[in-house]
């Protein structure tokens, strides 16, 4: 499935979910929104995102006297962005990121990721 462009509101809701790192209810999404978005709008956008398979119902929670659904993204923000960017642009971005990075822990994490991927590909070719 190649993701399609998100509308402004869809992107706003997805950004909140991506940044949260945990499943959120519609009410929690409304509270985390920077502008005054109505709960009705949040619920409508969540339904569209579920129909397009960008999010899923992740569980259920409780608020005051009601049971609420919690929602989580199906794809990461990186996967979404990657679907719109070509291989050359990706490579240019990665190279630039590495050249500009000065944190040794980040460099080590990148090296570990490359080493793991290389081993995975070598194991598959045997």
PDB file of N, CA and C in Angstrom:
ATOM      1  N   UNK A   1       0.840  -1.183   0.000  1.00  0.00           N
ATOM      2  CA  UNK A   1       0.000   0.000   0.000  1.00  0.00           C
ATOM      3  C   UNK A   1       0.885   1.246   0.000  1.00  0.00           C
ATOM      4  N   UNK A   2       0.726   2.090  -0.979  1.00  0.00           N
ATOM      5  CA  UNK A   2       1.442   3.356  -1.001  1.00  0.00           C
ATOM      6  C   UNK A   2       0.562   4.407  -0.346  1.00  0.00           C
ATOM      7  N   UNK A   3       1.030   5.007   0.749  1.00  0.00           N
ATOM      8  CA  UNK A   3       0.222   6.018   1.422  1.00  0.00           C
ATOM      9  C   UNK A   3      -0.083   7.202   0.513  1.00  0.00           C
ATOM     10  N   UNK A   4      -1.232   7.798   0.745  1.00  0.00           N
ATOM     11  CA  UNK A   4      -1.618   9.002   0.012  1.00  0.00           C
ATOM     12  C   UNK A   4      -1.338  10.212   0.889  1.00  0.00           C
ATOM     13  N   UNK A   5      -1.361  11.379   0.254  1.00  0.00           N
ATOM     14  CA  UNK A   5      -1.170  12.615   1.009  1.00  0.00           C
ATOM     15  C   UNK A   5      -2.232  12.739   2.090  1.00  0.00           C
ATOM     16  N   UNK A   6      -1.817  13.263   3.227  1.00  0.00           N
ATOM     17  CA  UNK A   6      -2.743  13.533   4.312  1.00  0.00           C
ATOM     18  C   UNK A   6      -3.258  14.963   4.189  1.00  0.00           C
ATOM     19  N   UNK A   7      -4.514  15.169   4.568  1.00  0.00           N
ATOM     20  CA  UNK A   7      -5.036  16.536   4.641  1.00  0.00           C
ATOM     21  C   UNK A   7      -4.385  17.226   5.833  1.00  0.00           C
ATOM     22  N   UNK A   8      -4.616  18.520   5.969  1.00  0.00           N
ATOM     23  CA  UNK A   8      -4.041  19.282   7.076  1.00  0.00           C
ATOM     24  C   UNK A   8      -4.472  18.683   8.418  1.00  0.00           C
ATOM     25  N   UNK A   9      -5.745  18.404   8.589  1.00  0.00           N
ATOM     26  CA  UNK A   9      -6.259  17.844   9.847  1.00  0.00           C
ATOM     27  C   UNK A   9      -5.754  16.414  10.076  1.00  0.00           C
ATOM     28  N   UNK A  10      -5.730  15.617   9.012  1.00  0.00           N
ATOM     29  CA  UNK A  10      -5.222  14.247   9.140  1.00  0.00           C
ATOM     30  C   UNK A  10      -3.762  14.266   9.580  1.00  0.00           C
ATOM     31  N   UNK A  11      -2.982  15.142   8.963  1.00  0.00           N
ATOM     32  CA  UNK A  11      -1.578  15.268   9.329  1.00  0.00           C
ATOM     33  C   UNK A  11      -1.433  15.716  10.778  1.00  0.00           C
ATOM     34  N   UNK A  12      -2.278  16.648  11.204  1.00  0.00           N
ATOM     35  CA  UNK A  12      -2.247  17.138  12.577  1.00  0.00           C
ATOM     36  C   UNK A  12      -2.484  15.993  13.572  1.00  0.00           C
ATOM     37  N   UNK A  13      -3.479  15.172  13.305  1.00  0.00           N
ATOM     38  CA  UNK A  13      -3.807  14.045  14.180  1.00  0.00           C
ATOM     39  C   UNK A  13      -2.672  13.010  14.140  1.00  0.00           C
ATOM     40  N   UNK A  14      -2.155  12.714  12.949  1.00  0.00           N
ATOM     41  CA  UNK A  14      -1.066  11.747  12.834  1.00  0.00           C
ATOM     42  C   UNK A  14       0.177  12.235  13.573  1.00  0.00           C
ATOM     43  N   UNK A  15       0.500  13.516  13.459  1.00  0.00           N
ATOM     44  CA  UNK A  15       1.654  14.080  14.173  1.00  0.00           C
ATOM     45  C   UNK A  15       1.499  13.869  15.680  1.00  0.00           C
ATOM     46  N   UNK A  16       0.300  14.101  16.192  1.00  0.00           N
ATOM     47  CA  UNK A  16       0.046  13.909  17.619  1.00  0.00           C
ATOM     48  C   UNK A  16       0.264  12.450  18.003  1.00  0.00           C
ATOM     49  N   UNK A  17      -0.255  11.525  17.195  1.00  0.00           N
ATOM     50  CA  UNK A  17      -0.093  10.099  17.484  1.00  0.00           C
ATOM     51  C   UNK A  17       1.369   9.668  17.352  1.00  0.00           C
ATOM     52  N   UNK A  18       2.045  10.120  16.298  1.00  0.00           N
ATOM     53  CA  UNK A  18       3.455   9.766  16.114  1.00  0.00           C
ATOM     54  C   UNK A  18       4.304  10.275  17.278  1.00  0.00           C
ATOM     55  N   UNK A  19       4.061  11.503  17.699  1.00  0.00           N
ATOM     56  CA  UNK A  19       4.874  12.102  18.761  1.00  0.00           C
ATOM     57  C   UNK A  19       4.551  11.538  20.140  1.00  0.00           C
ATOM     58  N   UNK A  20       3.340  11.041  20.328  1.00  0.00           N
ATOM     59  CA  UNK A  20       2.931  10.527  21.638  1.00  0.00           C
ATOM     60  C   UNK A  20       3.692   9.255  21.997  1.00  0.00           C
ATOM     61  N   UNK A  21       3.864   8.376  21.024  1.00  0.00           N
ATOM     62  CA  UNK A  21       4.541   7.117  21.299  1.00  0.00           C
ATOM     63  C   UNK A  21       3.695   6.097  22.034  1.00  0.00           C
ATOM     64  N   UNK A  22       2.486   6.470  22.392  1.00  0.00           N
ATOM     65  CA  UNK A  22       1.547   5.569  23.057  1.00  0.00           C
ATOM     66  C   UNK A  22       0.173   5.772  22.418  1.00  0.00           C
ATOM     67  N   UNK A  23      -0.697   4.770  22.488  1.00  0.00           N
ATOM     68  CA  UNK A  23      -2.052   4.942  21.964  1.00  0.00           C
ATOM     69  C   UNK A  23      -2.796   6.035  22.735  1.00  0.00           C
ATOM     70  N   UNK A  24      -3.604   6.796  22.007  1.00  0.00           N
ATOM     71  CA  UNK A  24      -4.355   7.896  22.607  1.00  0.00           C
ATOM     72  C   UNK A  24      -5.834   7.793  22.263  1.00  0.00           C
ATOM     73  N   UNK A  25      -6.670   8.294  23.160  1.00  0.00           N
ATOM     74  CA  UNK A  25      -8.105   8.394  22.891  1.00  0.00           C
ATOM     75  C   UNK A  25      -8.366   9.684  22.121  1.00  0.00           C
ATOM     76  N   UNK A  26      -9.553   9.805  21.575  1.00  0.00           N
ATOM     77  CA  UNK A  26      -9.927  11.025  20.848  1.00  0.00           C
ATOM     78  C   UNK A  26      -9.817  12.241  21.762  1.00  0.00           C
ATOM     79  N   UNK A  27     -10.234  12.102  23.001  1.00  0.00           N
ATOM     80  CA  UNK A  27     -10.171  13.208  23.950  1.00  0.00           C
ATOM     81  C   UNK A  27      -8.722  13.607  24.250  1.00  0.00           C
ATOM     82  N   UNK A  28      -7.847  12.623  24.384  1.00  0.00           N
ATOM     83  CA  UNK A  28      -6.429  12.918  24.619  1.00  0.00           C
ATOM     84  C   UNK A  28      -5.810  13.614  23.410  1.00  0.00           C
ATOM     85  N   UNK A  29      -6.216  13.205  22.218  1.00  0.00           N
ATOM     86  CA  UNK A  29      -5.730  13.852  20.993  1.00  0.00           C
ATOM     87  C   UNK A  29      -6.189  15.299  20.971  1.00  0.00           C
ATOM     88  N   UNK A  30      -7.461  15.535  21.312  1.00  0.00           N
ATOM     89  CA  UNK A  30      -8.006  16.900  21.357  1.00  0.00           C
ATOM     90  C   UNK A  30      -7.204  17.763  22.320  1.00  0.00           C
ATOM     91  N   UNK A  31      -6.888  17.222  23.495  1.00  0.00           N
ATOM     92  CA  UNK A  31      -6.140  17.973  24.510  1.00  0.00           C
ATOM     93  C   UNK A  31      -4.726  18.299  24.047  1.00  0.00           C
ATOM     94  N   UNK A  32      -4.116  17.424  23.252  1.00  0.00           N
ATOM     95  CA  UNK A  32      -2.744  17.639  22.789  1.00  0.00           C
ATOM     96  C   UNK A  32      -2.667  18.535  21.553  1.00  0.00           C
ATOM     97  N   UNK A  33      -3.814  18.822  20.966  1.00  0.00           N
ATOM     98  CA  UNK A  33      -3.849  19.668  19.771  1.00  0.00           C
ATOM     99  C   UNK A  33      -3.505  21.106  20.147  1.00  0.00           C
ATOM    100  N   UNK A  34      -2.717  21.754  19.294  1.00  0.00           N
ATOM    101  CA  UNK A  34      -2.307  23.131  19.563  1.00  0.00           C
ATOM    102  C   UNK A  34      -3.415  24.139  19.288  1.00  0.00           C
ATOM    103  N   UNK A  35      -4.313  23.841  18.368  1.00  0.00           N
ATOM    104  CA  UNK A  35      -5.414  24.762  18.112  1.00  0.00           C
ATOM    105  C   UNK A  35      -6.697  24.194  18.710  1.00  0.00           C
ATOM    106  N   UNK A  36      -7.732  24.977  18.680  1.00  0.00           N
ATOM    107  CA  UNK A  36      -8.993  24.597  19.309  1.00  0.00           C
ATOM    108  C   UNK A  36      -9.811  23.725  18.366  1.00  0.00           C
ATOM    109  N   UNK A  37      -9.468  22.462  18.299  1.00  0.00           N
ATOM    110  CA  UNK A  37     -10.155  21.513  17.426  1.00  0.00           C
ATOM    111  C   UNK A  37     -11.277  20.854  18.226  1.00  0.00           C
ATOM    112  N   UNK A  38     -12.420  20.693  17.607  1.00  0.00           N
ATOM    113  CA  UNK A  38     -13.553  20.096  18.318  1.00  0.00           C
ATOM    114  C   UNK A  38     -13.398  18.582  18.403  1.00  0.00           C
ATOM    115  N   UNK A  39     -14.004  17.994  19.413  1.00  0.00           N
ATOM    116  CA  UNK A  39     -13.961  16.539  19.562  1.00  0.00           C
ATOM    117  C   UNK A  39     -14.646  15.870  18.371  1.00  0.00           C
ATOM    118  N   UNK A  40     -15.689  16.507  17.831  1.00  0.00           N
ATOM    119  CA  UNK A  40     -16.379  15.973  16.667  1.00  0.00           C
ATOM    120  C   UNK A  40     -15.411  15.877  15.481  1.00  0.00           C
ATOM    121  N   UNK A  41     -14.623  16.924  15.261  1.00  0.00           N
ATOM    122  CA  UNK A  41     -13.644  16.920  14.164  1.00  0.00           C
ATOM    123  C   UNK A  41     -12.605  15.830  14.388  1.00  0.00           C
ATOM    124  N   UNK A  42     -12.111  15.702  15.613  1.00  0.00           N
ATOM    125  CA  UNK A  42     -11.128  14.666  15.921  1.00  0.00           C
ATOM    126  C   UNK A  42     -11.704  13.296  15.590  1.00  0.00           C
ATOM    127  N   UNK A  43     -12.936  13.038  16.015  1.00  0.00           N
ATOM    128  CA  UNK A  43     -13.556  11.738  15.771  1.00  0.00           C
ATOM    129  C   UNK A  43     -13.760  11.474  14.281  1.00  0.00           C
ATOM    130  N   UNK A  44     -14.155  12.477  13.530  1.00  0.00           N
ATOM    131  CA  UNK A  44     -14.338  12.324  12.085  1.00  0.00           C
ATOM    132  C   UNK A  44     -13.014  12.006  11.391  1.00  0.00           C
ATOM    133  N   UNK A  45     -11.963  12.719  11.785  1.00  0.00           N
ATOM    134  CA  UNK A  45     -10.648  12.490  11.185  1.00  0.00           C
ATOM    135  C   UNK A  45     -10.147  11.096  11.558  1.00  0.00           C
ATOM    136  N   UNK A  46     -10.346  10.678  12.797  1.00  0.00           N
ATOM    137  CA  UNK A  46      -9.935   9.336  13.211  1.00  0.00           C
ATOM    138  C   UNK A  46     -10.638   8.269  12.374  1.00  0.00           C
ATOM    139  N   UNK A  47     -11.913   8.459  12.086  1.00  0.00           N
ATOM    140  CA  UNK A  47     -12.654   7.498  11.266  1.00  0.00           C
ATOM    141  C   UNK A  47     -12.071   7.431   9.847  1.00  0.00           C
ATOM    142  N   UNK A  48     -11.737   8.596   9.276  1.00  0.00           N
ATOM    143  CA  UNK A  48     -11.130   8.614   7.932  1.00  0.00           C
ATOM    144  C   UNK A  48      -9.771   7.916   7.941  1.00  0.00           C
ATOM    145  N   UNK A  49      -8.967   8.187   8.961  1.00  0.00           N
ATOM    146  CA  UNK A  49      -7.645   7.570   9.049  1.00  0.00           C
ATOM    147  C   UNK A  49      -7.746   6.060   9.241  1.00  0.00           C
ATOM    148  N   UNK A  50      -8.747   5.613   9.976  1.00  0.00           N
ATOM    149  CA  UNK A  50      -8.947   4.168  10.133  1.00  0.00           C
ATOM    150  C   UNK A  50      -9.377   3.542   8.813  1.00  0.00           C
ATOM    151  N   UNK A  51     -10.263   4.205   8.093  1.00  0.00           N
ATOM    152  CA  UNK A  51     -10.729   3.688   6.801  1.00  0.00           C
ATOM    153  C   UNK A  51      -9.575   3.568   5.810  1.00  0.00           C
ATOM    154  N   UNK A  52      -8.641   4.519   5.870  1.00  0.00           N
ATOM    155  CA  UNK A  52      -7.486   4.513   4.978  1.00  0.00           C
ATOM    156  C   UNK A  52      -6.345   3.646   5.518  1.00  0.00           C
ATOM    157  N   UNK A  53      -6.559   3.034   6.686  1.00  0.00           N
ATOM    158  CA  UNK A  53      -5.597   2.124   7.321  1.00  0.00           C
ATOM    159  C   UNK A  53      -4.288   2.808   7.734  1.00  0.00           C
ATOM    160  N   UNK A  54      -4.378   4.048   8.180  1.00  0.00           N
ATOM    161  CA  UNK A  54      -3.237   4.757   8.735  1.00  0.00           C
ATOM    162  C   UNK A  54      -3.138   4.520  10.239  1.00  0.00           C
ATOM    163  N   UNK A  55      -4.291   4.270  10.879  1.00  0.00           N
ATOM    164  CA  UNK A  55      -4.335   4.018  12.311  1.00  0.00           C
ATOM    165  C   UNK A  55      -5.198   2.795  12.581  1.00  0.00           C
ATOM    166  N   UNK A  56      -5.114   2.309  13.813  1.00  0.00           N
ATOM    167  CA  UNK A  56      -5.949   1.180  14.221  1.00  0.00           C
ATOM    168  C   UNK A  56      -6.413   1.417  15.657  1.00  0.00           C
ATOM    169  N   UNK A  57      -7.495   0.732  16.029  1.00  0.00           N
ATOM    170  CA  UNK A  57      -7.915   0.747  17.423  1.00  0.00           C
ATOM    171  C   UNK A  57      -6.929  -0.140  18.163  1.00  0.00           C
ATOM    172  N   UNK A  58      -6.296   0.430  19.156  1.00  0.00           N
ATOM    173  CA  UNK A  58      -5.225  -0.266  19.857  1.00  0.00           C
ATOM    174  C   UNK A  58      -5.696  -0.862  21.179  1.00  0.00           C
ATOM    175  N   UNK A  59      -6.767  -0.335  21.694  1.00  0.00           N
ATOM    176  CA  UNK A  59      -7.261  -0.819  22.976  1.00  0.00           C
ATOM    177  C   UNK A  59      -8.416   0.048  23.445  1.00  0.00           C
ATOM    178  N   UNK A  60      -8.719  -0.096  24.713  1.00  0.00           N
ATOM    179  CA  UNK A  60      -9.818   0.653  25.306  1.00  0.00           C
ATOM    180  C   UNK A  60      -9.368   1.244  26.624  1.00  0.00           C
ATOM    181  N   UNK A  61      -9.899   2.409  26.922  1.00  0.00           N
ATOM    182  CA  UNK A  61      -9.580   3.079  28.175  1.00  0.00           C
ATOM    183  C   UNK A  61     -10.852   3.606  28.810  1.00  0.00           C
ATOM    184  N   UNK A  62     -10.698   4.259  29.937  1.00  0.00           N
ATOM    185  CA  UNK A  62     -11.850   4.792  30.657  1.00  0.00           C
ATOM    186  C   UNK A  62     -11.661   6.281  30.913  1.00  0.00           C
ATOM    187  N   UNK A  63     -12.730   7.041  30.716  1.00  0.00           N
ATOM    188  CA  UNK A  63     -12.747   8.456  31.086  1.00  0.00           C
ATOM    189  C   UNK A  63     -14.055   8.724  31.803  1.00  0.00           C
ATOM    190  N   UNK A  64     -13.967   9.198  33.023  1.00  0.00           N
ATOM    191  CA  UNK A  64     -15.135   9.473  33.864  1.00  0.00           C
ATOM    192  C   UNK A  64     -16.116   8.309  33.832  1.00  0.00           C
ATOM    193  N   UNK A  65     -17.194   8.428  33.059  1.00  0.00           N
ATOM    194  CA  UNK A  65     -18.230   7.391  33.042  1.00  0.00           C
ATOM    195  C   UNK A  65     -18.292   6.621  31.729  1.00  0.00           C
ATOM    196  N   UNK A  66     -17.274   6.766  30.904  1.00  0.00           N
ATOM    197  CA  UNK A  66     -17.359   6.156  29.574  1.00  0.00           C
ATOM    198  C   UNK A  66     -16.134   5.300  29.263  1.00  0.00           C
ATOM    199  N   UNK A  67     -16.363   4.322  28.411  1.00  0.00           N
ATOM    200  CA  UNK A  67     -15.273   3.526  27.862  1.00  0.00           C
ATOM    201  C   UNK A  67     -14.894   4.152  26.524  1.00  0.00           C
ATOM    202  N   UNK A  68     -13.603   4.362  26.303  1.00  0.00           N
ATOM    203  CA  UNK A  68     -13.154   4.996  25.064  1.00  0.00           C
ATOM    204  C   UNK A  68     -12.166   4.099  24.333  1.00  0.00           C
ATOM    205  N   UNK A  69     -12.111   4.260  23.041  1.00  0.00           N
ATOM    206  CA  UNK A  69     -11.114   3.565  22.220  1.00  0.00           C
ATOM    207  C   UNK A  69      -9.816   4.350  22.278  1.00  0.00           C
ATOM    208  N   UNK A  70      -8.713   3.623  22.154  1.00  0.00           N
ATOM    209  CA  UNK A  70      -7.429   4.292  21.975  1.00  0.00           C
ATOM    210  C   UNK A  70      -6.912   3.924  20.592  1.00  0.00           C
ATOM    211  N   UNK A  71      -6.218   4.859  19.981  1.00  0.00           N
ATOM    212  CA  UNK A  71      -5.764   4.714  18.600  1.00  0.00           C
ATOM    213  C   UNK A  71      -4.244   4.779  18.532  1.00  0.00           C
ATOM    214  N   UNK A  72      -3.683   4.012  17.592  1.00  0.00           N
ATOM    215  CA  UNK A  72      -2.239   3.999  17.360  1.00  0.00           C
ATOM    216  C   UNK A  72      -1.978   4.003  15.858  1.00  0.00           C
ATOM    217  N   UNK A  73      -0.877   4.610  15.436  1.00  0.00           N
ATOM    218  CA  UNK A  73      -0.535   4.604  14.009  1.00  0.00           C
ATOM    219  C   UNK A  73      -0.186   3.199  13.534  1.00  0.00           C
ATOM    220  N   UNK A  74      -0.526   2.910  12.282  1.00  0.00           N
ATOM    221  CA  UNK A  74      -0.161   1.632  11.667  1.00  0.00           C
ATOM    222  C   UNK A  74       1.224   1.746  11.034  1.00  0.00           C
ATOM    223  N   UNK A  75       1.556   2.933  10.531  1.00  0.00           N
ATOM    224  CA  UNK A  75       2.871   3.145   9.940  1.00  0.00           C
ATOM    225  C   UNK A  75       3.578   4.269  10.669  1.00  0.00           C
ATOM    226  N   UNK A  76       4.888   4.218  10.668  1.00  0.00           N
ATOM    227  CA  UNK A  76       5.670   5.253  11.331  1.00  0.00           C
ATOM    228  C   UNK A  76       5.718   6.504  10.457  1.00  0.00           C
ATOM    229  N   UNK A  77       6.107   7.595  11.074  1.00  0.00           N
ATOM    230  CA  UNK A  77       6.257   8.833  10.323  1.00  0.00           C
ATOM    231  C   UNK A  77       7.334   8.670   9.256  1.00  0.00           C
ATOM    232  N   UNK A  78       8.403   7.965   9.586  1.00  0.00           N
ATOM    233  CA  UNK A  78       9.479   7.735   8.617  1.00  0.00           C
ATOM    234  C   UNK A  78       8.975   6.924   7.425  1.00  0.00           C
ATOM    235  N   UNK A  79       8.153   5.907   7.671  1.00  0.00           N
ATOM    236  CA  UNK A  79       7.589   5.106   6.574  1.00  0.00           C
ATOM    237  C   UNK A  79       6.689   5.964   5.686  1.00  0.00           C
ATOM    238  N   UNK A  80       5.912   6.839   6.311  1.00  0.00           N
ATOM    239  CA  UNK A  80       5.029   7.722   5.551  1.00  0.00           C
ATOM    240  C   UNK A  80       5.848   8.645   4.649  1.00  0.00           C
ATOM    241  N   UNK A  81       6.845   9.296   5.223  1.00  0.00           N
ATOM    242  CA  UNK A  81       7.681  10.226   4.450  1.00  0.00           C
ATOM    243  C   UNK A  81       8.425   9.483   3.352  1.00  0.00           C
ATOM    244  N   UNK A  82       8.956   8.309   3.684  1.00  0.00           N
ATOM    245  CA  UNK A  82       9.730   7.514   2.715  1.00  0.00           C
ATOM    246  C   UNK A  82       8.904   7.158   1.480  1.00  0.00           C
ATOM    247  N   UNK A  83       7.609   7.005   1.654  1.00  0.00           N
ATOM    248  CA  UNK A  83       6.759   6.624   0.525  1.00  0.00           C
ATOM    249  C   UNK A  83       6.678   7.711  -0.550  1.00  0.00           C
ATOM    250  N   UNK A  84       7.085   8.938  -0.208  1.00  0.00           N
ATOM    251  CA  UNK A  84       7.018  10.048  -1.156  1.00  0.00           C
ATOM    252  C   UNK A  84       8.389  10.471  -1.683  1.00  0.00           C
ATOM    253  N   UNK A  85       9.448   9.840  -1.179  1.00  0.00           N
ATOM    254  CA  UNK A  85      10.803  10.262  -1.516  1.00  0.00           C
ATOM    255  C   UNK A  85      11.507   9.144  -2.279  1.00  0.00           C
ATOM    256  N   UNK A  86      12.200   9.512  -3.317  1.00  0.00           N
ATOM    257  CA  UNK A  86      12.924   8.531  -4.123  1.00  0.00           C
ATOM    258  C   UNK A  86      14.191   8.051  -3.430  1.00  0.00           C
ATOM    259  N   UNK A  87      14.769   7.001  -3.976  1.00  0.00           N
ATOM    260  CA  UNK A  87      15.964   6.388  -3.388  1.00  0.00           C
ATOM    261  C   UNK A  87      17.139   7.370  -3.346  1.00  0.00           C
ATOM    262  N   UNK A  88      17.354   8.113  -4.424  1.00  0.00           N
ATOM    263  CA  UNK A  88      18.473   9.059  -4.468  1.00  0.00           C
ATOM    264  C   UNK A  88      18.312  10.139  -3.397  1.00  0.00           C
ATOM    265  N   UNK A  89      17.119  10.671  -3.255  1.00  0.00           N
ATOM    266  CA  UNK A  89      16.875  11.697  -2.245  1.00  0.00           C
ATOM    267  C   UNK A  89      17.089  11.129  -0.850  1.00  0.00           C
ATOM    268  N   UNK A  90      16.655   9.895  -0.639  1.00  0.00           N
ATOM    269  CA  UNK A  90      16.866   9.230   0.651  1.00  0.00           C
ATOM    270  C   UNK A  90      18.353   9.108   0.948  1.00  0.00           C
ATOM    271  N   UNK A  91      19.104   8.650  -0.023  1.00  0.00           N
ATOM    272  CA  UNK A  91      20.549   8.491   0.155  1.00  0.00           C
ATOM    273  C   UNK A  91      21.212   9.839   0.443  1.00  0.00           C
ATOM    274  N   UNK A  92      20.817  10.873  -0.290  1.00  0.00           N
ATOM    275  CA  UNK A  92      21.372  12.208  -0.051  1.00  0.00           C
ATOM    276  C   UNK A  92      21.057  12.678   1.368  1.00  0.00           C
ATOM    277  N   UNK A  93      19.843  12.427   1.806  1.00  0.00           N
ATOM    278  CA  UNK A  93      19.431  12.813   3.159  1.00  0.00           C
ATOM    279  C   UNK A  93      20.267  12.079   4.204  1.00  0.00           C
ATOM    280  N   UNK A  94      20.414  10.767   4.029  1.00  0.00           N
ATOM    281  CA  UNK A  94      21.178   9.950   4.983  1.00  0.00           C
ATOM    282  C   UNK A  94      22.630  10.425   5.049  1.00  0.00           C
ATOM    283  N   UNK A  95      23.236  10.633   3.883  1.00  0.00           N
ATOM    284  CA  UNK A  95      24.632  11.087   3.845  1.00  0.00           C
ATOM    285  C   UNK A  95      24.781  12.436   4.541  1.00  0.00           C
ATOM    286  N   UNK A  96      23.880  13.356   4.244  1.00  0.00           N
ATOM    287  CA  UNK A  96      23.923  14.672   4.870  1.00  0.00           C
ATOM    288  C   UNK A  96      23.738  14.572   6.380  1.00  0.00           C
ATOM    289  N   UNK A  97      22.816  13.738   6.804  1.00  0.00           N
ATOM    290  CA  UNK A  97      22.564  13.561   8.234  1.00  0.00           C
ATOM    291  C   UNK A  97      23.820  13.053   8.945  1.00  0.00           C
ATOM    292  N   UNK A  98      24.471  12.061   8.357  1.00  0.00           N
ATOM    293  CA  UNK A  98      25.675  11.491   8.954  1.00  0.00           C
ATOM    294  C   UNK A  98      26.791  12.532   9.016  1.00  0.00           C
ATOM    295  N   UNK A  99      26.969  13.297   7.946  1.00  0.00           N
ATOM    296  CA  UNK A  99      28.024  14.302   7.919  1.00  0.00           C
ATOM    297  C   UNK A  99      27.798  15.402   8.956  1.00  0.00           C
ATOM    298  N   UNK A 100      26.534  15.740   9.210  1.00  0.00           N
ATOM    299  CA  UNK A 100      26.221  16.828  10.140  1.00  0.00           C
ATOM    300  C   UNK A 100      26.134  16.370  11.597  1.00  0.00           C
ATOM    301  N   UNK A 101      25.977  15.063  11.827  1.00  0.00           N
ATOM    302  CA  UNK A 101      25.782  14.538  13.185  1.00  0.00           C
ATOM    303  C   UNK A 101      27.085  14.590  13.977  1.00  0.00           C
ATOM    304  N   UNK A 102      27.000  15.041  15.234  1.00  0.00           N
ATOM    305  CA  UNK A 102      28.201  15.119  16.072  1.00  0.00           C
ATOM    306  C   UNK A 102      28.053  14.335  17.381  1.00  0.00           C
ATOM    307  N   UNK A 103      26.924  13.686  17.586  1.00  0.00           N
ATOM    308  CA  UNK A 103      26.704  12.902  18.789  1.00  0.00           C
ATOM    309  C   UNK A 103      27.216  11.478  18.579  1.00  0.00           C
ATOM    310  N   UNK A 104      28.177  11.068  19.407  1.00  0.00           N
ATOM    311  CA  UNK A 104      28.795   9.753  19.253  1.00  0.00           C
ATOM    312  C   UNK A 104      27.793   8.610  19.474  1.00  0.00           C
ATOM    313  N   UNK A 105      26.847   8.776  20.372  1.00  0.00           N
ATOM    314  CA  UNK A 105      25.845   7.734  20.612  1.00  0.00           C
ATOM    315  C   UNK A 105      24.982   7.516  19.374  1.00  0.00           C
ATOM    316  N   UNK A 106      24.643   8.595  18.699  1.00  0.00           N
ATOM    317  CA  UNK A 106      23.852   8.489  17.476  1.00  0.00           C
ATOM    318  C   UNK A 106      24.651   7.797  16.381  1.00  0.00           C
ATOM    319  N   UNK A 107      25.908   8.172  16.233  1.00  0.00           N
ATOM    320  CA  UNK A 107      26.780   7.531  15.239  1.00  0.00           C
ATOM    321  C   UNK A 107      26.900   6.038  15.533  1.00  0.00           C
ATOM    322  N   UNK A 108      27.062   5.687  16.802  1.00  0.00           N
ATOM    323  CA  UNK A 108      27.164   4.271  17.183  1.00  0.00           C
ATOM    324  C   UNK A 108      25.877   3.530  16.856  1.00  0.00           C
ATOM    325  N   UNK A 109      24.742   4.156  17.118  1.00  0.00           N
ATOM    326  CA  UNK A 109      23.447   3.533  16.803  1.00  0.00           C
ATOM    327  C   UNK A 109      23.306   3.300  15.304  1.00  0.00           C
ATOM    328  N   UNK A 110      23.743   4.257  14.506  1.00  0.00           N
ATOM    329  CA  UNK A 110      23.707   4.097  13.049  1.00  0.00           C
ATOM    330  C   UNK A 110      24.624   2.960  12.607  1.00  0.00           C
ATOM    331  N   UNK A 111      25.807   2.892  13.171  1.00  0.00           N
ATOM    332  CA  UNK A 111      26.736   1.802  12.830  1.00  0.00           C
ATOM    333  C   UNK A 111      26.149   0.445  13.212  1.00  0.00           C
ATOM    334  N   UNK A 112      25.535   0.362  14.378  1.00  0.00           N
ATOM    335  CA  UNK A 112      24.914  -0.891  14.820  1.00  0.00           C
ATOM    336  C   UNK A 112      23.790  -1.314  13.879  1.00  0.00           C
ATOM    337  N   UNK A 113      23.010  -0.346  13.442  1.00  0.00           N
ATOM    338  CA  UNK A 113      21.916  -0.627  12.514  1.00  0.00           C
ATOM    339  C   UNK A 113      22.447  -1.136  11.184  1.00  0.00           C
ATOM    340  N   UNK A 114      23.484  -0.493  10.667  1.00  0.00           N
ATOM    341  CA  UNK A 114      24.114  -0.945   9.412  1.00  0.00           C
ATOM    342  C   UNK A 114      24.710  -2.336   9.553  1.00  0.00           C
ATOM    343  N   UNK A 115      25.401  -2.584  10.644  1.00  0.00           N
ATOM    344  CA  UNK A 115      26.014  -3.901  10.885  1.00  0.00           C
ATOM    345  C   UNK A 115      24.935  -4.982  10.932  1.00  0.00           C
ATOM    346  N   UNK A 116      23.859  -4.711  11.633  1.00  0.00           N
ATOM    347  CA  UNK A 116      22.761  -5.672  11.752  1.00  0.00           C
ATOM    348  C   UNK A 116      22.121  -5.951  10.395  1.00  0.00           C
ATOM    349  N   UNK A 117      21.910  -4.903   9.606  1.00  0.00           N
ATOM    350  CA  UNK A 117      21.317  -5.067   8.275  1.00  0.00           C
ATOM    351  C   UNK A 117      22.248  -5.854   7.362  1.00  0.00           C
ATOM    352  N   UNK A 118      23.543  -5.563   7.425  1.00  0.00           N
ATOM    353  CA  UNK A 118      24.526  -6.281   6.613  1.00  0.00           C
ATOM    354  C   UNK A 118      24.511  -7.771   6.957  1.00  0.00           C
ATOM    355  N   UNK A 119      24.496  -8.102   8.247  1.00  0.00           N
ATOM    356  CA  UNK A 119      24.448  -9.501   8.682  1.00  0.00           C
ATOM    357  C   UNK A 119      23.170 -10.181   8.217  1.00  0.00           C
ATOM    358  N   UNK A 120      22.067  -9.474   8.308  1.00  0.00           N
ATOM    359  CA  UNK A 120      20.781 -10.020   7.860  1.00  0.00           C
ATOM    360  C   UNK A 120      20.818 -10.348   6.368  1.00  0.00           C
ATOM    361  N   UNK A 121      21.376  -9.456   5.570  1.00  0.00           N
ATOM    362  CA  UNK A 121      21.459  -9.684   4.126  1.00  0.00           C
ATOM    363  C   UNK A 121      22.426 -10.816   3.791  1.00  0.00           C
ATOM    364  N   UNK A 122      23.529 -10.904   4.523  1.00  0.00           N
ATOM    365  CA  UNK A 122      24.497 -11.983   4.305  1.00  0.00           C
ATOM    366  C   UNK A 122      23.891 -13.336   4.669  1.00  0.00           C
ATOM    367  N   UNK A 123      23.142 -13.400   5.762  1.00  0.00           N
ATOM    368  CA  UNK A 123      22.484 -14.637   6.173  1.00  0.00           C
ATOM    369  C   UNK A 123      21.453 -15.095   5.131  1.00  0.00           C
ATOM    370  N   UNK A 124      20.775 -14.133   4.543  1.00  0.00           N
ATOM    371  CA  UNK A 124      19.746 -14.439   3.538  1.00  0.00           C
ATOM    372  C   UNK A 124      20.358 -14.957   2.247  1.00  0.00           C
ATOM    373  N   UNK A 125      21.574 -14.505   1.922  1.00  0.00           N
ATOM    374  CA  UNK A 125      22.206 -14.907   0.667  1.00  0.00           C
ATOM    375  C   UNK A 125      22.866 -16.285   0.755  1.00  0.00           C
ATOM    376  N   UNK A 126      23.035 -16.812   1.953  1.00  0.00           N
ATOM    377  CA  UNK A 126      23.679 -18.129   2.119  1.00  0.00           C
ATOM    378  C   UNK A 126      22.729 -19.267   1.923  1.00  0.00           C
TER     379      UNK A 126
END
